[in-house]
Protein backbone atom coordinates (compact mmCIF):
# COMPACT_ATOMS: atom_id res chain seq x y z
CA MET A 1 36.49 47.20 46.97
CA LYS A 2 34.33 44.85 44.95
CA ARG A 3 32.79 47.03 42.29
CA PHE A 4 32.46 50.79 41.84
CA THR A 5 28.69 51.36 41.86
CA PRO A 6 26.51 54.40 41.09
CA LEU A 7 26.25 54.94 44.86
CA HIS A 8 30.04 55.16 45.05
CA LEU A 9 30.00 57.68 42.21
CA HIS A 10 27.38 59.64 44.17
CA VAL A 11 29.77 59.70 47.17
CA VAL A 12 32.56 61.08 44.95
CA ARG A 13 30.22 63.74 43.60
CA MET A 14 29.10 64.78 47.10
CA TYR A 15 32.73 64.98 48.18
CA TRP A 16 33.60 67.04 45.08
CA ASP A 17 30.74 69.39 45.99
CA GLY A 18 32.38 70.01 49.36
CA VAL A 19 30.57 67.59 51.64
CA SER A 20 32.85 65.99 54.24
CA PRO A 21 33.13 62.20 54.40
CA SER A 22 31.54 62.08 57.87
CA THR A 23 28.59 64.15 56.64
CA ILE A 24 28.23 61.82 53.65
CA ASP A 25 28.12 58.86 56.07
CA ASN A 26 25.35 60.58 58.03
CA LYS A 27 23.33 61.64 54.98
CA LEU A 28 23.44 58.17 53.48
CA SER A 29 22.91 56.44 56.85
CA LYS A 30 26.17 54.54 56.56
CA PRO A 31 28.62 53.57 59.32
CA SER A 32 31.41 55.94 60.23
CA GLY A 33 34.35 55.73 57.83
CA TRP A 34 32.32 54.22 54.98
CA ALA A 35 32.65 57.27 52.68
CA SER A 36 36.36 57.67 53.51
CA LYS A 37 36.94 54.05 52.48
CA ILE A 38 35.21 54.66 49.14
CA LEU A 39 37.04 57.95 48.57
CA SER A 40 40.41 56.30 49.19
CA SER A 41 39.75 53.60 46.58
CA PRO A 42 41.78 53.70 43.34
CA GLU A 43 38.61 54.24 41.30
CA ALA A 44 37.49 57.26 43.35
CA SER A 45 41.03 58.69 43.43
CA GLU A 46 41.21 58.47 39.64
CA ILE A 47 37.83 60.21 39.23
CA ILE A 48 38.80 62.97 41.66
CA GLU A 49 42.14 63.47 39.89
CA ARG A 50 40.39 63.71 36.50
CA LEU A 51 37.95 66.26 37.94
CA LYS A 52 40.84 68.34 39.29
CA ASN A 53 42.68 68.26 35.96
CA ALA A 54 39.53 69.10 34.00
CA THR A 55 38.77 71.97 36.36
CA ILE A 56 42.27 73.39 36.08
CA ASP A 57 42.24 73.00 32.29
CA THR A 58 38.86 74.73 32.11
CA MET A 59 39.99 77.55 34.39
CA VAL A 60 43.12 78.13 32.30
CA GLU A 61 41.07 78.05 29.10
CA VAL A 62 38.54 80.55 30.44
CA GLN A 63 41.28 82.83 31.77
CA THR A 64 43.13 82.75 28.45
CA LYS A 65 39.97 83.58 26.46
CA LEU A 66 39.04 86.43 28.81
CA GLN A 67 42.53 87.90 28.66
CA ALA A 68 42.44 87.78 24.88
CA ALA A 69 39.02 89.47 24.78
CA ALA A 70 39.78 92.06 27.48
CA PRO A 71 41.04 94.86 25.18
CA ILE A 72 38.00 94.51 22.92
CA LEU A 73 35.60 94.45 25.87
CA LEU A 74 37.29 97.43 27.47
CA SER A 75 37.09 99.39 24.22
CA LYS A 76 33.36 98.63 23.90
CA GLU A 77 32.81 99.54 27.55
CA LEU A 78 34.61 102.85 27.02
CA ASP A 79 32.52 103.60 23.93
CA PHE A 80 29.34 102.87 25.89
CA ALA A 81 30.44 104.97 28.87
CA LEU A 82 31.14 107.94 26.59
CA SER A 83 28.04 107.54 24.39
CA GLY A 84 25.61 109.65 26.39
CA ASN A 85 24.67 110.90 29.80
CA GLY A 86 22.01 108.45 30.92
CA ALA A 87 22.06 106.43 34.12
CA ALA A 88 23.52 103.33 32.42
CA GLU A 89 26.35 105.33 30.88
CA SER A 90 27.02 106.97 34.23
CA ARG A 91 27.24 103.59 35.92
CA ALA A 92 29.57 102.35 33.15
CA ARG A 93 31.85 105.35 33.73
CA GLN A 94 31.87 104.66 37.47
CA LEU A 95 32.76 100.99 36.92
CA LEU A 96 35.58 101.93 34.55
CA LEU A 97 37.02 104.34 37.11
CA GLU A 98 36.83 101.64 39.79
CA LYS A 99 38.64 99.19 37.49
CA ALA A 100 41.35 101.81 37.02
CA GLY A 101 41.69 102.13 40.79
CA HIS A 102 39.92 105.48 41.15
CA VAL A 103 37.33 104.76 43.80
CA ALA A 104 35.45 107.51 45.54
CA THR A 105 35.98 107.47 49.26
CA ARG A 106 33.68 108.52 52.00
CA GLN A 107 35.07 109.83 55.20
CA VAL A 108 33.22 108.94 58.33
CA GLU A 109 34.09 110.38 61.70
CA ILE A 110 32.87 108.78 64.87
CA ARG A 111 33.27 110.89 67.95
CA ARG A 112 32.73 109.93 71.51
CA PRO A 113 32.24 112.46 74.25
CA ASP A 114 35.57 113.24 75.84
CA HIS A 115 35.38 114.15 79.54
CA VAL A 116 38.53 116.30 79.27
CA GLU A 117 37.11 118.19 76.31
CA GLU A 118 33.85 118.70 78.17
CA GLU A 119 35.65 119.92 81.28
CA PHE A 120 37.58 122.62 79.44
CA ARG A 121 34.96 123.65 76.89
CA ASN A 122 34.30 127.42 76.75
CA LYS A 123 37.43 128.21 78.79
CA SER A 124 40.34 130.29 77.60
CA GLU A 125 43.88 128.98 77.46
CA ALA A 126 44.80 131.16 80.46
CA GLN A 127 41.91 129.74 82.51
CA ILE A 128 42.91 126.18 81.63
CA LYS A 129 46.55 126.82 82.65
CA ALA A 130 45.45 128.37 85.92
CA GLU A 131 43.21 125.38 86.74
CA ILE A 132 45.97 122.88 85.93
CA LEU A 133 48.52 124.78 88.06
CA GLU A 134 46.04 124.98 90.94
CA SER A 135 45.34 121.22 90.77
CA ILE A 136 49.09 120.51 90.83
CA ARG A 137 49.56 122.78 93.86
CA SER A 138 46.67 121.20 95.73
CA GLU A 139 48.06 117.71 95.03
CA GLU A 140 51.43 118.82 96.39
CA ARG A 141 49.82 120.16 99.57
CA GLU A 142 47.86 116.95 100.11
CA ALA A 143 50.71 114.55 99.35
CA PRO A 144 52.46 113.08 102.40
CA ARG A 145 55.96 114.42 102.85
CA PRO A 146 58.88 112.04 103.05
CA PRO A 147 60.73 111.92 106.39
CA ASP A 148 63.52 114.45 106.81
CA PRO A 149 66.87 112.69 106.24
CA ASN A 150 68.58 115.00 108.80
CA PRO A 151 66.17 115.37 111.67
CA THR A 152 67.06 117.70 114.51
CA LEU A 153 67.13 115.90 117.82
CA LEU A 154 65.44 117.60 120.76
CA HIS A 155 66.80 116.96 124.28
C-alpha cells in the first residue's frame, strides 16, 4: 500500500462501526475486495488493534468505577424508595425488588377447546364409564375374528 489516506481511515472507521468490507466496497463504489485489502494492511491492523485495546481499557475502567460506586448508589436508591409513597418512590421500590430477584409474575392460561372434554361435559362418572364400556363392546362385535386354529371338518 502506498500511503494511508483519509479515505483509508474512513474505511477502518466504517469497518469498526460494523459495516462489512463488501458493503464498504459498494458504498464507496470501489471494486470487490478493495476494502479487504485496505483492512489487511499493517496500518489498518494497527489502528484496529489500538481501538480494541482502548475499548477494552475503557470498559474495564467503567466497570471498575461502577462497582466502586454501587454500594453508595444502592444506599441512595434505598433512601429514595423509602422516602415517601409517591409514584416515583413506588417505581424505585419495584426496581429494587427486581434487582434483588423478586419479580412479580403473571400467570396466563391459554385453553383450547378439547373435543373429549366437550363430549363428556355434564355427564356423571357412571355415565362416562357406561359409554366407554359400550364403545369397547361395539368395537369387539365389529372387529373381524381371527380364523379358528382348530376348525372342525365337515364330511
